[in-house]
Amino acid sequence: MGFFGGNKKEAQNQAIAANSAAVPETPSSARATVEMDIFNDPAGAARVCQPLTAQLGDSFALSMLYQVFNAHNIAHPHLTIRAFRDGGYLVKGEGDLFSWNTAKFLS
């Protein structure tokens, strides 16, 4: 292990790689659009989206979250992720990983 914890970055990269294998491919013809209103009811939207990401674990890369949202036909995945971040529903953890702030929407 290096002086600055070089193995920590390697562990994060391994977690991201493991999570990418967990996102199943869904044919576009089999996908249904998830209905939610991210701007008028962000807590409700978070309650809808958070269970969809269970296979990613407690911490995940935003790129993995994007893939899950895209697989579930979440409208405008980039804007949805940004709204969740801006609203405090997604919080930054170590490195490039994020997690749900469930206290904000599951209370």
PDB file of N, CA and C in Angstrom:
ATOM      1  N   MET A   1       0.847  -1.184   0.000  1.00  0.00           N
ATOM      2  CA  MET A   1       0.000   0.000   0.000  1.00  0.00           C
ATOM      3  C   MET A   1       0.881   1.231   0.000  1.00  0.00           C
ATOM      4  N   GLY A   2       0.549   2.191  -0.840  1.00  0.00           N
ATOM      5  CA  GLY A   2       1.337   3.407  -0.952  1.00  0.00           C
ATOM      6  C   GLY A   2       1.084   4.347   0.207  1.00  0.00           C
ATOM      7  N   PHE A   3       1.922   5.343   0.316  1.00  0.00           N
ATOM      8  CA  PHE A   3       1.822   6.319   1.397  1.00  0.00           C
ATOM      9  C   PHE A   3       0.463   7.020   1.417  1.00  0.00           C
ATOM     10  N   PHE A   4      -0.089   7.293   0.236  1.00  0.00           N
ATOM     11  CA  PHE A   4      -1.356   8.012   0.142  1.00  0.00           C
ATOM     12  C   PHE A   4      -2.545   7.072  -0.051  1.00  0.00           C
ATOM     13  N   GLY A   5      -2.383   5.795   0.253  1.00  0.00           N
ATOM     14  CA  GLY A   5      -3.497   4.859   0.170  1.00  0.00           C
ATOM     15  C   GLY A   5      -3.873   4.506  -1.255  1.00  0.00           C
ATOM     16  N   GLY A   6      -2.906   4.190  -2.084  1.00  0.00           N
ATOM     17  CA  GLY A   6      -3.158   3.872  -3.475  1.00  0.00           C
ATOM     18  C   GLY A   6      -4.128   2.715  -3.655  1.00  0.00           C
ATOM     19  N   ASN A   7      -4.184   1.809  -2.706  1.00  0.00           N
ATOM     20  CA  ASN A   7      -5.092   0.676  -2.826  1.00  0.00           C
ATOM     21  C   ASN A   7      -6.548   1.075  -2.668  1.00  0.00           C
ATOM     22  N   LYS A   8      -6.820   2.221  -2.060  1.00  0.00           N
ATOM     23  CA  LYS A   8      -8.197   2.690  -1.901  1.00  0.00           C
ATOM     24  C   LYS A   8      -8.814   2.956  -3.273  1.00  0.00           C
ATOM     25  N   LYS A   9      -8.076   3.582  -4.165  1.00  0.00           N
ATOM     26  CA  LYS A   9      -8.562   3.865  -5.516  1.00  0.00           C
ATOM     27  C   LYS A   9      -8.787   2.556  -6.267  1.00  0.00           C
ATOM     28  N   GLU A  10      -7.887   1.610  -6.099  1.00  0.00           N
ATOM     29  CA  GLU A  10      -8.044   0.314  -6.755  1.00  0.00           C
ATOM     30  C   GLU A  10      -9.305  -0.390  -6.250  1.00  0.00           C
ATOM     31  N   ALA A  11      -9.571  -0.306  -4.958  1.00  0.00           N
ATOM     32  CA  ALA A  11     -10.776  -0.917  -4.389  1.00  0.00           C
ATOM     33  C   ALA A  11     -12.032  -0.253  -4.951  1.00  0.00           C
ATOM     34  N   GLN A  12     -11.998   1.071  -5.117  1.00  0.00           N
ATOM     35  CA  GLN A  12     -13.146   1.777  -5.689  1.00  0.00           C
ATOM     36  C   GLN A  12     -13.364   1.354  -7.130  1.00  0.00           C
ATOM     37  N   ASN A  13     -12.274   1.211  -7.892  1.00  0.00           N
ATOM     38  CA  ASN A  13     -12.393   0.780  -9.281  1.00  0.00           C
ATOM     39  C   ASN A  13     -12.967  -0.632  -9.368  1.00  0.00           C
ATOM     40  N   GLN A  14     -12.567  -1.517  -8.433  1.00  0.00           N
ATOM     41  CA  GLN A  14     -13.099  -2.866  -8.420  1.00  0.00           C
ATOM     42  C   GLN A  14     -14.591  -2.854  -8.079  1.00  0.00           C
ATOM     43  N   ALA A  15     -15.003  -1.974  -7.166  1.00  0.00           N
ATOM     44  CA  ALA A  15     -16.416  -1.873  -6.798  1.00  0.00           C
ATOM     45  C   ALA A  15     -17.233  -1.383  -7.990  1.00  0.00           C
ATOM     46  N   ILE A  16     -16.698  -0.428  -8.734  1.00  0.00           N
ATOM     47  CA  ILE A  16     -17.393   0.077  -9.919  1.00  0.00           C
ATOM     48  C   ILE A  16     -17.500  -1.028 -10.967  1.00  0.00           C
ATOM     49  N   ALA A  17     -16.426  -1.784 -11.176  1.00  0.00           N
ATOM     50  CA  ALA A  17     -16.446  -2.867 -12.156  1.00  0.00           C
ATOM     51  C   ALA A  17     -17.440  -3.949 -11.745  1.00  0.00           C
ATOM     52  N   ALA A  18     -17.486  -4.284 -10.461  1.00  0.00           N
ATOM     53  CA  ALA A  18     -18.430  -5.298  -9.978  1.00  0.00           C
ATOM     54  C   ALA A  18     -19.860  -4.823 -10.161  1.00  0.00           C
ATOM     55  N   ASN A  19     -20.104  -3.534  -9.910  1.00  0.00           N
ATOM     56  CA  ASN A  19     -21.451  -3.001 -10.078  1.00  0.00           C
ATOM     57  C   ASN A  19     -21.870  -2.999 -11.535  1.00  0.00           C
ATOM     58  N   SER A  20     -20.933  -2.773 -12.453  1.00  0.00           N
ATOM     59  CA  SER A  20     -21.295  -2.722 -13.870  1.00  0.00           C
ATOM     60  C   SER A  20     -21.764  -4.086 -14.353  1.00  0.00           C
ATOM     61  N   ALA A  21     -21.249  -5.141 -13.769  1.00  0.00           N
ATOM     62  CA  ALA A  21     -21.694  -6.479 -14.137  1.00  0.00           C
ATOM     63  C   ALA A  21     -23.093  -6.757 -13.601  1.00  0.00           C
ATOM     64  N   ALA A  22     -23.537  -5.994 -12.606  1.00  0.00           N
ATOM     65  CA  ALA A  22     -24.828  -6.235 -11.969  1.00  0.00           C
ATOM     66  C   ALA A  22     -25.992  -5.608 -12.716  1.00  0.00           C
ATOM     67  N   VAL A  23     -25.728  -4.712 -13.670  1.00  0.00           N
ATOM     68  CA  VAL A  23     -26.808  -4.032 -14.389  1.00  0.00           C
ATOM     69  C   VAL A  23     -27.224  -4.902 -15.562  1.00  0.00           C
ATOM     70  N   PRO A  24     -28.432  -5.473 -15.502  1.00  0.00           N
ATOM     71  CA  PRO A  24     -28.861  -6.353 -16.588  1.00  0.00           C
ATOM     72  C   PRO A  24     -29.239  -5.567 -17.834  1.00  0.00           C
ATOM     73  N   GLU A  25     -29.020  -6.177 -18.977  1.00  0.00           N
ATOM     74  CA  GLU A  25     -29.442  -5.585 -20.247  1.00  0.00           C
ATOM     75  C   GLU A  25     -30.919  -5.892 -20.449  1.00  0.00           C
ATOM     76  N   THR A  26     -31.681  -4.879 -20.758  1.00  0.00           N
ATOM     77  CA  THR A  26     -33.101  -5.050 -21.022  1.00  0.00           C
ATOM     78  C   THR A  26     -33.383  -4.588 -22.434  1.00  0.00           C
ATOM     79  N   PRO A  27     -33.964  -5.456 -23.265  1.00  0.00           N
ATOM     80  CA  PRO A  27     -34.285  -5.007 -24.623  1.00  0.00           C
ATOM     81  C   PRO A  27     -35.235  -3.825 -24.584  1.00  0.00           C
ATOM     82  N   SER A  28     -35.021  -2.855 -25.456  1.00  0.00           N
ATOM     83  CA  SER A  28     -35.825  -1.634 -25.420  1.00  0.00           C
ATOM     84  C   SER A  28     -37.307  -1.932 -25.628  1.00  0.00           C
ATOM     85  N   SER A  29     -37.641  -2.979 -26.360  1.00  0.00           N
ATOM     86  CA  SER A  29     -39.047  -3.305 -26.585  1.00  0.00           C
ATOM     87  C   SER A  29     -39.722  -3.809 -25.310  1.00  0.00           C
ATOM     88  N   ALA A  30     -38.943  -4.313 -24.350  1.00  0.00           N
ATOM     89  CA  ALA A  30     -39.509  -4.865 -23.116  1.00  0.00           C
ATOM     90  C   ALA A  30     -39.541  -3.842 -21.988  1.00  0.00           C
ATOM     91  N   ARG A  31     -39.031  -2.646 -22.225  1.00  0.00           N
ATOM     92  CA  ARG A  31     -38.955  -1.646 -21.161  1.00  0.00           C
ATOM     93  C   ARG A  31     -40.222  -0.815 -21.094  1.00  0.00           C
ATOM     94  N   ALA A  32     -40.686  -0.591 -19.888  1.00  0.00           N
ATOM     95  CA  ALA A  32     -41.819   0.306 -19.665  1.00  0.00           C
ATOM     96  C   ALA A  32     -41.283   1.595 -19.071  1.00  0.00           C
ATOM     97  N   THR A  33     -41.885   2.693 -19.430  1.00  0.00           N
ATOM     98  CA  THR A  33     -41.453   3.975 -18.890  1.00  0.00           C
ATOM     99  C   THR A  33     -41.936   4.122 -17.459  1.00  0.00           C
ATOM    100  N   VAL A  34     -41.028   4.506 -16.569  1.00  0.00           N
ATOM    101  CA  VAL A  34     -41.372   4.745 -15.171  1.00  0.00           C
ATOM    102  C   VAL A  34     -41.920   6.158 -15.069  1.00  0.00           C
ATOM    103  N   GLU A  35     -43.122   6.282 -14.547  1.00  0.00           N
ATOM    104  CA  GLU A  35     -43.757   7.590 -14.412  1.00  0.00           C
ATOM    105  C   GLU A  35     -43.432   8.197 -13.050  1.00  0.00           C
ATOM    106  N   MET A  36     -42.926   9.420 -13.071  1.00  0.00           N
ATOM    107  CA  MET A  36     -42.631  10.152 -11.844  1.00  0.00           C
ATOM    108  C   MET A  36     -42.437  11.617 -12.208  1.00  0.00           C
ATOM    109  N   ASP A  37     -42.481  12.463 -11.195  1.00  0.00           N
ATOM    110  CA  ASP A  37     -42.314  13.900 -11.413  1.00  0.00           C
ATOM    111  C   ASP A  37     -41.152  14.378 -10.550  1.00  0.00           C
ATOM    112  N   ILE A  38     -39.963  14.350 -11.127  1.00  0.00           N
ATOM    113  CA  ILE A  38     -38.739  14.679 -10.390  1.00  0.00           C
ATOM    114  C   ILE A  38     -38.726  16.113  -9.897  1.00  0.00           C
ATOM    115  N   PHE A  39     -39.378  17.022 -10.607  1.00  0.00           N
ATOM    116  CA  PHE A  39     -39.286  18.432 -10.242  1.00  0.00           C
ATOM    117  C   PHE A  39     -40.359  18.866  -9.253  1.00  0.00           C
ATOM    118  N   ASN A  40     -41.554  18.279  -9.327  1.00  0.00           N
ATOM    119  CA  ASN A  40     -42.620  18.654  -8.401  1.00  0.00           C
ATOM    120  C   ASN A  40     -42.723  17.733  -7.194  1.00  0.00           C
ATOM    121  N   ASP A  41     -42.185  16.518  -7.306  1.00  0.00           N
ATOM    122  CA  ASP A  41     -42.214  15.565  -6.203  1.00  0.00           C
ATOM    123  C   ASP A  41     -40.906  14.784  -6.157  1.00  0.00           C
ATOM    124  N   PRO A  42     -39.794  15.455  -5.832  1.00  0.00           N
ATOM    125  CA  PRO A  42     -38.507  14.758  -5.853  1.00  0.00           C
ATOM    126  C   PRO A  42     -38.423  13.622  -4.838  1.00  0.00           C
ATOM    127  N   ALA A  43     -39.062  13.768  -3.673  1.00  0.00           N
ATOM    128  CA  ALA A  43     -39.030  12.689  -2.677  1.00  0.00           C
ATOM    129  C   ALA A  43     -39.772  11.463  -3.209  1.00  0.00           C
ATOM    130  N   GLY A  44     -40.910  11.685  -3.843  1.00  0.00           N
ATOM    131  CA  GLY A  44     -41.647  10.573  -4.441  1.00  0.00           C
ATOM    132  C   GLY A  44     -40.853   9.909  -5.548  1.00  0.00           C
ATOM    133  N   ALA A  45     -40.176  10.712  -6.356  1.00  0.00           N
ATOM    134  CA  ALA A  45     -39.340  10.172  -7.429  1.00  0.00           C
ATOM    135  C   ALA A  45     -38.189   9.355  -6.841  1.00  0.00           C
ATOM    136  N   ALA A  46     -37.602   9.828  -5.763  1.00  0.00           N
ATOM    137  CA  ALA A  46     -36.517   9.085  -5.112  1.00  0.00           C
ATOM    138  C   ALA A  46     -37.030   7.754  -4.563  1.00  0.00           C
ATOM    139  N   ARG A  47     -38.250   7.757  -3.998  1.00  0.00           N
ATOM    140  CA  ARG A  47     -38.836   6.506  -3.498  1.00  0.00           C
ATOM    141  C   ARG A  47     -39.073   5.508  -4.623  1.00  0.00           C
ATOM    142  N   VAL A  48     -39.354   5.997  -5.822  1.00  0.00           N
ATOM    143  CA  VAL A  48     -39.541   5.127  -6.985  1.00  0.00           C
ATOM    144  C   VAL A  48     -38.189   4.604  -7.476  1.00  0.00           C
ATOM    145  N   CYS A  49     -37.198   5.469  -7.548  1.00  0.00           N
ATOM    146  CA  CYS A  49     -35.910   5.124  -8.158  1.00  0.00           C
ATOM    147  C   CYS A  49     -34.979   4.327  -7.256  1.00  0.00           C
ATOM    148  N   GLN A  50     -34.987   4.595  -5.978  1.00  0.00           N
ATOM    149  CA  GLN A  50     -34.037   3.952  -5.072  1.00  0.00           C
ATOM    150  C   GLN A  50     -34.128   2.421  -5.109  1.00  0.00           C
ATOM    151  N   PRO A  51     -35.313   1.812  -5.097  1.00  0.00           N
ATOM    152  CA  PRO A  51     -35.352   0.346  -5.163  1.00  0.00           C
ATOM    153  C   PRO A  51     -34.808  -0.228  -6.481  1.00  0.00           C
ATOM    154  N   LEU A  52     -34.861   0.553  -7.542  1.00  0.00           N
ATOM    155  CA  LEU A  52     -34.338   0.091  -8.827  1.00  0.00           C
ATOM    156  C   LEU A  52     -32.832  -0.086  -8.792  1.00  0.00           C
ATOM    157  N   THR A  53     -32.177   0.555  -7.829  1.00  0.00           N
ATOM    158  CA  THR A  53     -30.708   0.530  -7.762  1.00  0.00           C
ATOM    159  C   THR A  53     -30.181  -0.438  -6.711  1.00  0.00           C
ATOM    160  N   ALA A  54     -31.046  -1.268  -6.151  1.00  0.00           N
ATOM    161  CA  ALA A  54     -30.628  -2.173  -5.071  1.00  0.00           C
ATOM    162  C   ALA A  54     -29.447  -3.054  -5.470  1.00  0.00           C
ATOM    163  N   GLN A  55     -29.401  -3.504  -6.727  1.00  0.00           N
ATOM    164  CA  GLN A  55     -28.320  -4.387  -7.155  1.00  0.00           C
ATOM    165  C   GLN A  55     -26.971  -3.682  -7.196  1.00  0.00           C
ATOM    166  N   LEU A  56     -26.964  -2.351  -7.120  1.00  0.00           N
ATOM    167  CA  LEU A  56     -25.703  -1.609  -7.149  1.00  0.00           C
ATOM    168  C   LEU A  56     -25.025  -1.558  -5.792  1.00  0.00           C
ATOM    169  N   GLY A  57     -25.752  -1.875  -4.733  1.00  0.00           N
ATOM    170  CA  GLY A  57     -25.181  -1.805  -3.391  1.00  0.00           C
ATOM    171  C   GLY A  57     -25.395  -0.431  -2.786  1.00  0.00           C
ATOM    172  N   ASP A  58     -24.755  -0.212  -1.647  1.00  0.00           N
ATOM    173  CA  ASP A  58     -24.946   1.041  -0.918  1.00  0.00           C
ATOM    174  C   ASP A  58     -24.260   2.228  -1.590  1.00  0.00           C
ATOM    175  N   SER A  59     -23.118   1.999  -2.229  1.00  0.00           N
ATOM    176  CA  SER A  59     -22.368   3.058  -2.909  1.00  0.00           C
ATOM    177  C   SER A  59     -22.169   2.663  -4.357  1.00  0.00           C
ATOM    178  N   PHE A  60     -22.281   3.640  -5.245  1.00  0.00           N
ATOM    179  CA  PHE A  60     -22.220   3.337  -6.667  1.00  0.00           C
ATOM    180  C   PHE A  60     -21.734   4.556  -7.432  1.00  0.00           C
ATOM    181  N   ALA A  61     -21.222   4.291  -8.625  1.00  0.00           N
ATOM    182  CA  ALA A  61     -20.795   5.364  -9.528  1.00  0.00           C
ATOM    183  C   ALA A  61     -22.027   5.922 -10.237  1.00  0.00           C
ATOM    184  N   LEU A  62     -22.020   7.197 -10.533  1.00  0.00           N
ATOM    185  CA  LEU A  62     -23.147   7.808 -11.227  1.00  0.00           C
ATOM    186  C   LEU A  62     -23.349   7.197 -12.607  1.00  0.00           C
ATOM    187  N   SER A  63     -22.279   6.726 -13.226  1.00  0.00           N
ATOM    188  CA  SER A  63     -22.417   6.081 -14.531  1.00  0.00           C
ATOM    189  C   SER A  63     -23.253   4.806 -14.413  1.00  0.00           C
ATOM    190  N   MET A  64     -23.123   4.105 -13.300  1.00  0.00           N
ATOM    191  CA  MET A  64     -23.930   2.905 -13.075  1.00  0.00           C
ATOM    192  C   MET A  64     -25.389   3.284 -12.826  1.00  0.00           C
ATOM    193  N   LEU A  65     -25.596   4.361 -12.082  1.00  0.00           N
ATOM    194  CA  LEU A  65     -26.949   4.848 -11.831  1.00  0.00           C
ATOM    195  C   LEU A  65     -27.610   5.231 -13.152  1.00  0.00           C
ATOM    196  N   TYR A  66     -26.856   5.889 -14.017  1.00  0.00           N
ATOM    197  CA  TYR A  66     -27.363   6.249 -15.340  1.00  0.00           C
ATOM    198  C   TYR A  66     -27.803   5.000 -16.101  1.00  0.00           C
ATOM    199  N   GLN A  67     -26.989   3.958 -16.079  1.00  0.00           N
ATOM    200  CA  GLN A  67     -27.319   2.726 -16.796  1.00  0.00           C
ATOM    201  C   GLN A  67     -28.613   2.107 -16.265  1.00  0.00           C
ATOM    202  N   VAL A  68     -28.781   2.103 -14.942  1.00  0.00           N
ATOM    203  CA  VAL A  68     -29.999   1.559 -14.347  1.00  0.00           C
ATOM    204  C   VAL A  68     -31.202   2.392 -14.766  1.00  0.00           C
ATOM    205  N   PHE A  69     -31.076   3.713 -14.666  1.00  0.00           N
ATOM    206  CA  PHE A  69     -32.184   4.590 -15.048  1.00  0.00           C
ATOM    207  C   PHE A  69     -32.531   4.401 -16.520  1.00  0.00           C
ATOM    208  N   ASN A  70     -31.528   4.297 -17.352  1.00  0.00           N
ATOM    209  CA  ASN A  70     -31.750   4.097 -18.782  1.00  0.00           C
ATOM    210  C   ASN A  70     -32.434   2.750 -19.032  1.00  0.00           C
ATOM    211  N   ALA A  71     -32.000   1.697 -18.337  1.00  0.00           N
ATOM    212  CA  ALA A  71     -32.593   0.370 -18.497  1.00  0.00           C
ATOM    213  C   ALA A  71     -34.058   0.345 -18.086  1.00  0.00           C
ATOM    214  N   HIS A  72     -34.429   1.223 -17.159  1.00  0.00           N
ATOM    215  CA  HIS A  72     -35.813   1.283 -16.673  1.00  0.00           C
ATOM    216  C   HIS A  72     -36.610   2.419 -17.322  1.00  0.00           C
ATOM    217  N   ASN A  73     -36.053   2.989 -18.374  1.00  0.00           N
ATOM    218  CA  ASN A  73     -36.719   4.069 -19.118  1.00  0.00           C
ATOM    219  C   ASN A  73     -37.078   5.268 -18.248  1.00  0.00           C
ATOM    220  N   ILE A  74     -36.225   5.599 -17.297  1.00  0.00           N
ATOM    221  CA  ILE A  74     -36.414   6.827 -16.527  1.00  0.00           C
ATOM    222  C   ILE A  74     -36.173   7.979 -17.500  1.00  0.00           C
ATOM    223  N   ALA A  75     -37.127   8.877 -17.612  1.00  0.00           N
ATOM    224  CA  ALA A  75     -37.002   9.997 -18.542  1.00  0.00           C
ATOM    225  C   ALA A  75     -35.822  10.884 -18.152  1.00  0.00           C
ATOM    226  N   HIS A  76     -35.050  11.270 -19.121  1.00  0.00           N
ATOM    227  CA  HIS A  76     -33.922  12.193 -18.940  1.00  0.00           C
ATOM    228  C   HIS A  76     -33.028  11.787 -17.757  1.00  0.00           C
ATOM    229  N   PRO A  77     -32.328  10.661 -17.863  1.00  0.00           N
ATOM    230  CA  PRO A  77     -31.517  10.179 -16.735  1.00  0.00           C
ATOM    231  C   PRO A  77     -30.517  11.208 -16.209  1.00  0.00           C
ATOM    232  N   HIS A  78     -29.871  11.974 -17.111  1.00  0.00           N
ATOM    233  CA  HIS A  78     -28.898  12.967 -16.642  1.00  0.00           C
ATOM    234  C   HIS A  78     -29.572  14.030 -15.779  1.00  0.00           C
ATOM    235  N   LEU A  79     -30.706  14.541 -16.234  1.00  0.00           N
ATOM    236  CA  LEU A  79     -31.412  15.572 -15.466  1.00  0.00           C
ATOM    237  C   LEU A  79     -31.943  15.018 -14.153  1.00  0.00           C
ATOM    238  N   THR A  80     -32.395  13.779 -14.173  1.00  0.00           N
ATOM    239  CA  THR A  80     -32.903  13.149 -12.960  1.00  0.00           C
ATOM    240  C   THR A  80     -31.794  13.000 -11.928  1.00  0.00           C
ATOM    241  N   ILE A  81     -30.646  12.518 -12.361  1.00  0.00           N
ATOM    242  CA  ILE A  81     -29.504  12.367 -11.450  1.00  0.00           C
ATOM    243  C   ILE A  81     -29.084  13.730 -10.915  1.00  0.00           C
ATOM    244  N   ARG A  82     -29.036  14.724 -11.770  1.00  0.00           N
ATOM    245  CA  ARG A  82     -28.647  16.068 -11.323  1.00  0.00           C
ATOM    246  C   ARG A  82     -29.645  16.620 -10.303  1.00  0.00           C
ATOM    247  N   ALA A  83     -30.942  16.407 -10.553  1.00  0.00           N
ATOM    248  CA  ALA A  83     -31.956  16.877  -9.612  1.00  0.00           C
ATOM    249  C   ALA A  83     -31.826  16.163  -8.272  1.00  0.00           C
ATOM    250  N   PHE A  84     -31.537  14.863  -8.291  1.00  0.00           N
ATOM    251  CA  PHE A  84     -31.335  14.128  -7.039  1.00  0.00           C
ATOM    252  C   PHE A  84     -30.101  14.634  -6.293  1.00  0.00           C
ATOM    253  N   ARG A  85     -29.045  14.946  -7.028  1.00  0.00           N
ATOM    254  CA  ARG A  85     -27.832  15.475  -6.383  1.00  0.00           C
ATOM    255  C   ARG A  85     -28.089  16.868  -5.818  1.00  0.00           C
ATOM    256  N   ASP A  86     -28.685  17.737  -6.622  1.00  0.00           N
ATOM    257  CA  ASP A  86     -28.942  19.109  -6.182  1.00  0.00           C
ATOM    258  C   ASP A  86     -29.884  19.153  -4.995  1.00  0.00           C
ATOM    259  N   GLY A  87     -30.826  18.212  -4.937  1.00  0.00           N
ATOM    260  CA  GLY A  87     -31.799  18.181  -3.851  1.00  0.00           C
ATOM    261  C   GLY A  87     -31.320  17.456  -2.603  1.00  0.00           C
ATOM    262  N   GLY A  88     -30.123  16.873  -2.666  1.00  0.00           N
ATOM    263  CA  GLY A  88     -29.589  16.169  -1.508  1.00  0.00           C
ATOM    264  C   GLY A  88     -30.082  14.739  -1.359  1.00  0.00           C
ATOM    265  N   TYR A  89     -30.719  14.204  -2.391  1.00  0.00           N
ATOM    266  CA  TYR A  89     -31.195  12.824  -2.345  1.00  0.00           C
ATOM    267  C   TYR A  89     -30.074  11.840  -2.652  1.00  0.00           C
ATOM    268  N   LEU A  90     -29.091  12.275  -3.433  1.00  0.00           N
ATOM    269  CA  LEU A  90     -27.868  11.525  -3.684  1.00  0.00           C
ATOM    270  C   LEU A  90     -26.715  12.300  -3.059  1.00  0.00           C
ATOM    271  N   VAL A  91     -25.897  11.610  -2.281  1.00  0.00           N
ATOM    272  CA  VAL A  91     -24.781  12.276  -1.614  1.00  0.00           C
ATOM    273  C   VAL A  91     -23.468  11.613  -2.020  1.00  0.00           C
ATOM    274  N   LYS A  92     -22.460  12.444  -2.138  1.00  0.00           N
ATOM    275  CA  LYS A  92     -21.133  11.970  -2.531  1.00  0.00           C
ATOM    276  C   LYS A  92     -20.467  11.269  -1.361  1.00  0.00           C
ATOM    277  N   GLY A  93     -19.882  10.129  -1.670  1.00  0.00           N
ATOM    278  CA  GLY A  93     -19.120   9.372  -0.685  1.00  0.00           C
ATOM    279  C   GLY A  93     -17.649   9.452  -1.013  1.00  0.00           C
ATOM    280  N   GLU A  94     -16.951   8.363  -0.776  1.00  0.00           N
ATOM    281  CA  GLU A  94     -15.517   8.315  -1.068  1.00  0.00           C
ATOM    282  C   GLU A  94     -15.279   8.206  -2.565  1.00  0.00           C
ATOM    283  N   GLY A  95     -14.253   8.893  -3.020  1.00  0.00           N
ATOM    284  CA  GLY A  95     -13.880   8.819  -4.431  1.00  0.00           C
ATOM    285  C   GLY A  95     -14.999   9.290  -5.329  1.00  0.00           C
ATOM    286  N   ASP A  96     -15.312   8.471  -6.310  1.00  0.00           N
ATOM    287  CA  ASP A  96     -16.343   8.812  -7.289  1.00  0.00           C
ATOM    288  C   ASP A  96     -17.677   8.131  -6.990  1.00  0.00           C
ATOM    289  N   LEU A  97     -17.845   7.654  -5.774  1.00  0.00           N
ATOM    290  CA  LEU A  97     -19.045   6.905  -5.425  1.00  0.00           C
ATOM    291  C   LEU A  97     -20.086   7.786  -4.734  1.00  0.00           C
ATOM    292  N   PHE A  98     -21.347   7.435  -4.941  1.00  0.00           N
ATOM    293  CA  PHE A  98     -22.481   8.150  -4.366  1.00  0.00           C
ATOM    294  C   PHE A  98     -23.388   7.148  -3.665  1.00  0.00           C
ATOM    295  N   SER A  99     -24.263   7.651  -2.812  1.00  0.00           N
ATOM    296  CA  SER A  99     -25.250   6.801  -2.163  1.00  0.00           C
ATOM    297  C   SER A  99     -26.530   7.600  -1.957  1.00  0.00           C
ATOM    298  N   TRP A 100     -27.617   6.883  -1.706  1.00  0.00           N
ATOM    299  CA  TRP A 100     -28.900   7.526  -1.457  1.00  0.00           C
ATOM    300  C   TRP A 100     -28.935   8.077  -0.041  1.00  0.00           C
ATOM    301  N   ASN A 101     -29.460   9.262   0.122  1.00  0.00           N
ATOM    302  CA  ASN A 101     -29.708   9.858   1.427  1.00  0.00           C
ATOM    303  C   ASN A 101     -31.144   9.493   1.807  1.00  0.00           C
ATOM    304  N   THR A 102     -31.341   8.253   2.232  1.00  0.00           N
ATOM    305  CA  THR A 102     -32.683   7.725   2.452  1.00  0.00           C
ATOM    306  C   THR A 102     -33.418   8.471   3.572  1.00  0.00           C
ATOM    307  N   ALA A 103     -32.687   9.074   4.485  1.00  0.00           N
ATOM    308  CA  ALA A 103     -33.347   9.845   5.557  1.00  0.00           C
ATOM    309  C   ALA A 103     -34.155  10.993   4.978  1.00  0.00           C
ATOM    310  N   LYS A 104     -33.786  11.438   3.802  1.00  0.00           N
ATOM    311  CA  LYS A 104     -34.465  12.575   3.176  1.00  0.00           C
ATOM    312  C   LYS A 104     -35.806  12.187   2.553  1.00  0.00           C
ATOM    313  N   PHE A 105     -35.979  10.921   2.168  1.00  0.00           N
ATOM    314  CA  PHE A 105     -37.215  10.562   1.457  1.00  0.00           C
ATOM    315  C   PHE A 105     -37.917   9.309   1.978  1.00  0.00           C
ATOM    316  N   LEU A 106     -37.345   8.616   2.953  1.00  0.00           N
ATOM    317  CA  LEU A 106     -38.000   7.430   3.494  1.00  0.00           C
ATOM    318  C   LEU A 106     -38.444   7.626   4.942  1.00  0.00           C
ATOM    319  N   SER A 107     -38.647   8.857   5.346  1.00  0.00           N
ATOM    320  CA  SER A 107     -39.037   9.099   6.742  1.00  0.00           C
ATOM    321  C   SER A 107     -40.526   9.184   6.909  1.00  0.00           C
TER     322      SER A 107
END
